[in-house]
Amino acid sequence: MKITWGCHVSPEEIKESCFLILLTEYGGKLKGWGEKLLSTGGKEILIKAVVQAVPSYAMSIFRLPKCLIGEIHRLSARFWWGSKDNQKKIHWCTWKRLCKPKFDGGLGFRDIELANRANLAKQCWRILMNPNSLAAKVLKGCYFREGSFMDAKCTGSGSFVWNSLMWGKGLLERGIRWRVGNGKSIKIYHDKWIPRPSTFKVFSPPKLNIEATVDQLIEPSGGWNVKLIRDNFHPEEAKDILSIPISSNLREDTVLWHFEGNGLFSVKSGYWLGNNCETMPSNSSSSSSNSWWQFFWKLKIPLEVRILVWKACHDWIPTKVNIARRGIRTSNICDGCKIGNETTLKKLKIS
């Protein structure tokens, strides 16, 4: 987008013009490979490993405009399905469906908007874990002089970078909770500290002081006060609380990321949480369809063959029946048998 300085320009137009170089580079890589004879497997690898890495640096600092993300997705879809400027091919499904994980019937392409938010959440995690860093000190002096980073809000006078970080912080807030040490910093009814993948907060009606801290539930000897907990919390919640290990030396309470075993935030787990998946693909749902897809993509056969079977399973093969459904007038009769309609899977009666 060309901007003439001195005229009135909206902030959105300025953002688009600043990010125009990303779109140019993204489209340039696709166009450079578009003339080459790449198989469907080669296209998948190129999009995932090369092209979708182009905006990674910008995504870790700025929130990309929706129009830019939409254009990036459009270019990727055109390249994947084989469309060119002078040749349009059928897109058998939406790009969003292709971005679904492979264990759920998609191809696992990266959703740029989700990846953008996960990268910004990573920056928020660094600020939270390193409050003495230069970036954290500068932001604190400008936006949250009183209180912590997690209490900061998005302001109308905030910079584009700050408002982008606040957007990423929304994802971070969904997955962080307290690790119980001495319990003095954790409020029972206000903070997130219960180890379950939901709100992480207490859902039992308050029977103790509303401002009570977790250390009141811990015995002086270092263990949980079992009777107090069972008397004041729902049985299921009491069970969750008692399952939390208590350190023998009662260290300070710390913040952790619930969806990683080491408690540290990762862009990968943040991306899956943003996609409303509370578990990683390897540990995901045990439903028959998901299990079948996991088995299928691990088969030791050429990638092109697997993609062809994947298309056939979704009935995205350009048979005459499917082409007719897209509004293209053609005879549905199979050219091979000259009897029935040409479909992806034809049921035959065996006498």
Protein backbone atom coordinates (compact mmCIF):
# COMPACT_ATOMS: atom_id res chain seq x y z
CA MET A 1 0.00 0.00 0.00
CA LYS A 2 1.37 3.40 -0.99
CA ILE A 3 0.95 6.21 1.57
CA THR A 4 1.25 9.88 0.70
CA TRP A 5 2.69 11.69 3.71
CA GLY A 6 0.82 14.77 4.89
CA CYS A 7 -2.63 13.38 4.16
CA HIS A 8 -4.95 11.81 6.73
CA VAL A 9 -4.23 8.08 7.05
CA SER A 10 -5.94 5.66 9.41
CA PRO A 11 -3.80 3.53 11.79
CA GLU A 12 -4.97 0.39 9.98
CA GLU A 13 -3.58 1.68 6.68
CA ILE A 14 -0.25 2.47 8.32
CA LYS A 15 -0.07 -1.04 9.81
CA GLU A 16 -0.88 -2.60 6.46
CA SER A 17 1.78 -0.55 4.72
CA CYS A 18 4.39 -1.51 7.32
CA PHE A 19 3.61 -5.20 6.89
CA LEU A 20 3.36 -5.06 3.11
CA ILE A 21 6.95 -6.29 2.82
CA LEU A 22 5.93 -9.52 4.59
CA LEU A 23 3.19 -10.15 2.06
CA THR A 24 5.56 -9.40 -0.82
CA GLU A 25 8.20 -11.82 0.49
CA TYR A 26 5.59 -14.47 1.29
CA GLY A 27 4.05 -14.29 -2.16
CA GLY A 28 7.49 -14.15 -3.79
CA LYS A 29 8.55 -17.47 -2.31
CA LEU A 30 5.34 -19.13 -3.46
CA LYS A 31 5.59 -17.62 -6.93
CA GLY A 32 9.21 -18.68 -7.25
CA TRP A 33 8.27 -22.29 -6.61
CA GLY A 34 4.93 -22.13 -8.39
CA GLU A 35 6.47 -22.78 -11.80
CA LYS A 36 8.39 -25.83 -10.60
CA LEU A 37 6.95 -29.34 -10.75
CA LEU A 38 6.30 -29.92 -7.07
CA SER A 39 4.20 -32.84 -5.92
CA THR A 40 1.49 -32.40 -3.30
CA GLY A 41 3.92 -33.72 -0.69
CA GLY A 42 6.54 -31.20 -1.80
CA LYS A 43 4.01 -28.38 -1.57
CA GLU A 44 3.10 -29.40 1.98
CA ILE A 45 6.74 -29.40 3.07
CA LEU A 46 7.47 -26.09 1.33
CA ILE A 47 4.51 -24.31 2.95
CA LYS A 48 5.24 -25.66 6.43
CA ALA A 49 9.03 -25.47 6.55
CA VAL A 50 9.83 -22.45 4.38
CA VAL A 51 6.95 -20.14 3.54
CA GLN A 52 5.09 -20.03 6.85
CA ALA A 53 8.36 -19.17 8.62
CA VAL A 54 8.58 -15.81 6.81
CA PRO A 55 6.45 -13.76 9.28
CA SER A 56 7.83 -15.46 12.42
CA TYR A 57 9.92 -12.51 13.61
CA ALA A 58 7.15 -9.95 13.09
CA MET A 59 4.63 -12.25 14.79
CA SER A 60 6.69 -12.28 17.99
CA ILE A 61 6.45 -8.46 18.32
CA PHE A 62 3.32 -7.21 16.54
CA ARG A 63 -0.26 -8.34 16.13
CA LEU A 64 -0.67 -8.80 12.39
CA PRO A 65 -3.76 -7.16 10.84
CA LYS A 66 -6.60 -9.56 10.00
CA CYS A 67 -6.59 -8.46 6.36
CA LEU A 68 -2.90 -9.38 6.09
CA ILE A 69 -3.48 -12.78 7.70
CA GLY A 70 -6.40 -13.42 5.37
CA GLU A 71 -4.26 -12.59 2.33
CA ILE A 72 -1.47 -14.91 3.54
CA HIS A 73 -3.97 -17.73 3.98
CA ARG A 74 -5.43 -17.03 0.53
CA LEU A 75 -2.02 -17.20 -1.14
CA SER A 76 -1.22 -20.44 0.67
CA ALA A 77 -4.52 -22.01 -0.36
CA ARG A 78 -4.08 -21.01 -4.02
CA PHE A 79 -0.58 -22.52 -4.05
CA TRP A 80 -1.72 -25.73 -2.35
CA TRP A 81 -4.65 -26.40 -4.67
CA GLY A 82 -2.62 -25.39 -7.75
CA SER A 83 -4.34 -22.15 -8.75
CA LYS A 84 -2.45 -19.53 -10.78
CA ASP A 85 -3.19 -16.02 -11.97
CA ASN A 86 -4.58 -17.32 -15.27
CA GLN A 87 -5.79 -20.68 -14.04
CA LYS A 88 -8.19 -21.21 -11.15
CA LYS A 89 -8.62 -24.65 -9.66
CA ILE A 90 -11.26 -25.94 -7.28
CA HIS A 91 -10.57 -25.47 -3.58
CA TRP A 92 -12.26 -28.53 -2.13
CA CYS A 93 -12.28 -27.20 1.44
CA THR A 94 -11.50 -24.06 3.41
CA TRP A 95 -7.99 -23.21 4.54
CA LYS A 96 -9.17 -23.34 8.15
CA ARG A 97 -10.01 -27.00 7.69
CA LEU A 98 -6.55 -27.68 6.26
CA CYS A 99 -5.10 -26.07 9.40
CA LYS A 100 -6.76 -28.69 11.60
CA PRO A 101 -4.19 -31.13 13.06
CA LYS A 102 -3.46 -34.32 11.16
CA PHE A 103 -4.88 -36.49 13.92
CA ASP A 104 -8.19 -34.65 13.42
CA GLY A 105 -8.43 -35.06 9.66
CA GLY A 106 -6.57 -31.92 8.53
CA LEU A 107 -3.05 -31.38 7.20
CA GLY A 108 -1.62 -29.44 10.13
CA PHE A 109 -0.84 -26.20 8.30
CA ARG A 110 -0.17 -23.28 10.62
CA ASP A 111 -2.98 -20.87 11.36
CA ILE A 112 -1.09 -17.57 11.22
CA GLU A 113 -3.44 -15.81 13.65
CA LEU A 114 -3.08 -18.52 16.30
CA ALA A 115 0.68 -18.67 15.77
CA ASN A 116 0.85 -14.87 16.07
CA ARG A 117 -0.93 -14.93 19.42
CA ALA A 118 1.19 -17.80 20.74
CA ASN A 119 4.41 -15.95 19.83
CA LEU A 120 3.21 -12.81 21.60
CA ALA A 121 2.25 -14.90 24.63
CA LYS A 122 5.85 -16.16 24.66
CA GLN A 123 7.08 -12.56 24.97
CA CYS A 124 4.63 -11.98 27.82
CA TRP A 125 5.98 -15.09 29.55
CA ARG A 126 9.53 -13.73 29.28
CA ILE A 127 8.46 -10.42 30.81
CA LEU A 128 6.70 -12.26 33.62
CA MET A 129 9.65 -14.56 34.34
CA ASN A 130 12.34 -11.85 33.98
CA PRO A 131 10.96 -8.71 35.69
CA ASN A 132 14.49 -7.24 35.93
CA SER A 133 15.13 -7.32 32.19
CA LEU A 134 15.40 -4.01 30.34
CA ALA A 135 12.21 -4.59 28.32
CA ALA A 136 10.23 -5.45 31.46
CA LYS A 137 11.48 -2.35 33.29
CA VAL A 138 10.66 -0.03 30.38
CA LEU A 139 7.14 -1.45 29.99
CA LYS A 140 6.56 -1.30 33.75
CA GLY A 141 7.55 2.35 33.86
CA CYS A 142 5.15 3.15 31.03
CA TYR A 143 2.10 0.97 31.63
CA PHE A 144 1.98 -0.74 35.05
CA ARG A 145 3.93 1.21 37.62
CA GLU A 146 1.69 -0.16 40.34
CA GLY A 147 1.01 -3.90 40.41
CA SER A 148 2.33 -6.75 38.28
CA PHE A 149 2.43 -7.38 34.56
CA MET A 150 -0.55 -9.77 34.77
CA ASP A 151 -2.66 -6.95 36.24
CA ALA A 152 -1.85 -4.58 33.35
CA LYS A 153 -4.57 -3.66 30.87
CA CYS A 154 -4.78 -2.62 27.24
CA THR A 155 -5.11 1.16 27.03
CA GLY A 156 -6.25 3.45 24.25
CA SER A 157 -3.04 5.46 24.55
CA GLY A 158 -0.81 2.39 24.49
CA SER A 159 1.61 1.74 21.66
CA PHE A 160 0.96 -0.82 18.95
CA VAL A 161 3.53 -3.16 20.54
CA TRP A 162 1.91 -2.88 23.99
CA ASN A 163 -1.59 -3.55 22.70
CA SER A 164 -0.21 -6.53 20.77
CA LEU A 165 1.33 -7.92 23.96
CA MET A 166 -1.95 -7.51 25.81
CA TRP A 167 -3.64 -9.58 23.10
CA GLY A 168 -1.06 -12.31 23.61
CA LYS A 169 -1.41 -12.05 27.40
CA GLY A 170 -5.03 -13.16 27.05
CA LEU A 171 -3.80 -16.55 25.81
CA LEU A 172 -1.15 -16.75 28.53
CA GLU A 173 -3.75 -16.16 31.23
CA ARG A 174 -5.68 -19.24 30.10
CA GLY A 175 -2.80 -21.60 30.88
CA ILE A 176 -0.83 -20.25 33.83
CA ARG A 177 -1.41 -21.21 37.43
CA TRP A 178 0.42 -21.17 40.74
CA ARG A 179 2.68 -23.94 41.96
CA VAL A 180 2.08 -24.25 45.68
CA GLY A 181 5.16 -23.73 47.87
CA ASN A 182 4.51 -22.15 51.25
CA GLY A 183 1.09 -20.93 50.07
CA LYS A 184 1.52 -17.39 51.40
CA SER A 185 1.23 -15.69 47.99
CA ILE A 186 -1.84 -17.60 46.75
CA LYS A 187 -5.38 -16.53 47.61
CA ILE A 188 -7.66 -19.55 47.86
CA TYR A 189 -10.73 -18.08 46.17
CA HIS A 190 -9.11 -15.57 43.77
CA ASP A 191 -6.01 -17.14 42.26
CA LYS A 192 -5.49 -20.05 39.87
CA TRP A 193 -3.83 -22.93 41.68
CA ILE A 194 -5.95 -26.09 41.31
CA PRO A 195 -4.21 -28.51 38.85
CA ARG A 196 -7.04 -29.19 36.42
CA PRO A 197 -7.32 -28.02 32.79
CA SER A 198 -10.18 -25.57 33.19
CA THR A 199 -10.25 -22.32 35.16
CA PHE A 200 -7.74 -23.61 37.75
CA LYS A 201 -9.84 -21.78 40.35
CA VAL A 202 -11.83 -23.04 43.34
CA PHE A 203 -15.48 -23.64 42.45
CA SER A 204 -16.66 -24.60 45.96
CA PRO A 205 -18.67 -21.87 47.73
CA PRO A 206 -16.43 -19.89 50.12
CA LYS A 207 -16.64 -21.09 53.73
CA LEU A 208 -13.33 -19.60 54.82
CA ASN A 209 -12.35 -15.93 54.76
CA ILE A 210 -12.68 -14.68 51.17
CA GLU A 211 -9.13 -13.28 51.35
CA ALA A 212 -7.63 -16.41 52.96
CA THR A 213 -4.36 -17.75 51.52
CA VAL A 214 -3.37 -21.33 50.83
CA ASP A 215 -0.89 -21.46 53.72
CA GLN A 216 -3.91 -21.69 56.05
CA LEU A 217 -4.60 -25.13 54.55
CA ILE A 218 -1.09 -26.39 55.31
CA GLU A 219 -0.06 -27.96 58.62
CA PRO A 220 2.94 -26.49 60.46
CA SER A 221 4.66 -29.83 59.86
CA GLY A 222 4.41 -29.29 56.11
CA GLY A 223 1.50 -31.49 54.99
CA TRP A 224 -2.07 -30.65 54.00
CA ASN A 225 -4.67 -30.18 56.73
CA VAL A 226 -6.85 -33.02 55.42
CA LYS A 227 -9.80 -32.46 57.77
CA LEU A 228 -9.97 -28.71 57.09
CA ILE A 229 -9.87 -29.26 53.34
CA ARG A 230 -12.55 -31.96 53.31
CA ASP A 231 -14.82 -29.86 55.52
CA ASN A 232 -14.61 -26.74 53.34
CA PHE A 233 -14.39 -28.00 49.76
CA HIS A 234 -16.40 -30.17 47.41
CA PRO A 235 -15.21 -33.83 47.57
CA GLU A 236 -13.85 -33.79 44.00
CA GLU A 237 -12.08 -30.49 44.59
CA ALA A 238 -10.72 -31.67 47.92
CA LYS A 239 -9.27 -34.67 46.08
CA ASP A 240 -7.58 -32.37 43.56
CA ILE A 241 -6.10 -30.22 46.33
CA LEU A 242 -4.78 -33.19 48.30
CA SER A 243 -3.11 -34.50 45.13
CA ILE A 244 -0.85 -31.41 45.02
CA PRO A 245 2.59 -32.29 46.41
CA ILE A 246 3.91 -30.08 49.19
CA SER A 247 7.64 -29.31 49.30
CA SER A 248 9.33 -30.32 52.55
CA ASN A 249 11.24 -27.02 52.76
CA LEU A 250 8.15 -24.92 51.81
CA ARG A 251 9.75 -22.89 49.03
CA GLU A 252 8.22 -19.70 47.63
CA ASP A 253 5.11 -20.00 45.47
CA THR A 254 5.89 -19.82 41.75
CA VAL A 255 3.94 -19.35 38.53
CA LEU A 256 4.00 -22.18 35.99
CA TRP A 257 2.52 -23.07 32.59
CA HIS A 258 0.08 -25.92 33.12
CA PHE A 259 0.33 -27.47 29.65
CA GLU A 260 4.03 -28.39 29.74
CA GLY A 261 5.60 -30.98 32.00
CA ASN A 262 8.45 -28.65 32.98
CA GLY A 263 6.07 -25.78 33.74
CA LEU A 264 7.62 -23.48 31.11
CA PHE A 265 5.62 -21.86 28.36
CA SER A 266 6.22 -23.02 24.79
CA VAL A 267 4.83 -21.60 21.55
CA LYS A 268 3.75 -25.11 20.54
CA SER A 269 1.56 -25.74 23.59
CA GLY A 270 0.26 -22.17 23.44
CA TYR A 271 -0.76 -22.71 19.82
CA TRP A 272 -2.70 -25.86 20.69
CA LEU A 273 -4.40 -24.13 23.61
CA GLY A 274 -5.39 -21.28 21.29
CA ASN A 275 -6.84 -23.94 19.00
CA ASN A 276 -8.95 -25.14 21.96
CA CYS A 277 -6.87 -28.31 22.36
CA GLU A 278 -5.90 -28.88 25.99
CA THR A 279 -3.56 -31.77 25.14
CA MET A 280 -0.80 -32.18 22.58
CA PRO A 281 -1.44 -34.22 19.43
CA SER A 282 0.48 -37.28 20.67
CA ASN A 283 -1.73 -37.47 23.76
CA SER A 284 -4.98 -36.41 22.20
CA SER A 285 -8.41 -37.92 22.10
CA SER A 286 -8.64 -41.71 21.90
CA SER A 287 -11.70 -41.65 19.64
CA SER A 288 -11.68 -44.18 16.81
CA SER A 289 -11.44 -41.53 14.06
CA ASN A 290 -8.49 -39.75 15.70
CA SER A 291 -6.73 -43.06 16.37
CA TRP A 292 -7.20 -44.07 12.75
CA TRP A 293 -5.72 -40.83 11.44
CA GLN A 294 -2.73 -41.16 13.77
CA PHE A 295 -2.15 -44.69 12.47
CA PHE A 296 -2.60 -43.61 8.84
CA TRP A 297 -0.07 -40.75 8.84
CA LYS A 298 2.58 -43.05 10.37
CA LEU A 299 2.38 -45.57 7.51
CA LYS A 300 5.66 -46.08 5.66
CA ILE A 301 4.34 -45.13 2.23
CA PRO A 302 5.17 -42.13 0.01
CA LEU A 303 3.72 -38.84 1.22
CA GLU A 304 2.01 -38.25 -2.12
CA VAL A 305 0.11 -41.53 -1.75
CA ARG A 306 -0.96 -40.66 1.78
CA ILE A 307 -2.26 -37.28 0.64
CA LEU A 308 -4.17 -38.93 -2.22
CA VAL A 309 -5.83 -41.35 0.24
CA TRP A 310 -6.53 -38.41 2.57
CA LYS A 311 -8.33 -36.60 -0.26
CA ALA A 312 -10.29 -39.76 -1.11
CA CYS A 313 -11.39 -40.19 2.52
CA HIS A 314 -12.83 -36.68 2.44
CA ASP A 315 -14.29 -37.21 -1.04
CA TRP A 316 -12.20 -34.40 -2.51
CA ILE A 317 -11.21 -36.24 -5.68
CA PRO A 318 -12.32 -34.43 -8.89
CA THR A 319 -14.72 -37.15 -10.01
CA LYS A 320 -17.57 -36.26 -12.35
CA VAL A 321 -20.12 -36.36 -9.53
CA ASN A 322 -18.03 -34.04 -7.35
CA ILE A 323 -17.39 -31.67 -10.26
CA ALA A 324 -21.13 -31.54 -10.97
CA ARG A 325 -21.76 -30.60 -7.35
CA ARG A 326 -19.56 -27.58 -7.89
CA GLY A 327 -21.88 -26.31 -10.63
CA ILE A 328 -19.88 -27.52 -13.64
CA ARG A 329 -22.13 -29.16 -16.18
CA THR A 330 -20.85 -32.56 -17.19
CA SER A 331 -22.06 -36.13 -17.61
CA ASN A 332 -21.82 -38.15 -14.40
CA ILE A 333 -21.35 -41.48 -16.23
CA CYS A 334 -18.03 -43.17 -15.53
CA ASP A 335 -15.83 -43.36 -18.65
CA GLY A 336 -14.44 -46.69 -17.51
CA CYS A 337 -17.48 -48.86 -16.85
CA LYS A 338 -20.03 -46.80 -18.85
CA ILE A 339 -22.67 -47.96 -16.34
CA GLY A 340 -22.83 -45.96 -13.13
CA ASN A 341 -21.86 -42.52 -11.94
CA GLU A 342 -18.17 -41.73 -11.45
CA THR A 343 -17.63 -41.37 -7.69
CA THR A 344 -14.69 -41.64 -5.36
CA LEU A 345 -15.85 -44.85 -3.75
CA LYS A 346 -18.32 -46.91 -5.76
CA LYS A 347 -20.29 -49.55 -3.88
CA LEU A 348 -20.61 -52.75 -5.91
CA LYS A 349 -23.21 -55.48 -5.34
CA ILE A 350 -21.62 -58.91 -5.23
CA SER A 351 -24.04 -61.71 -6.05
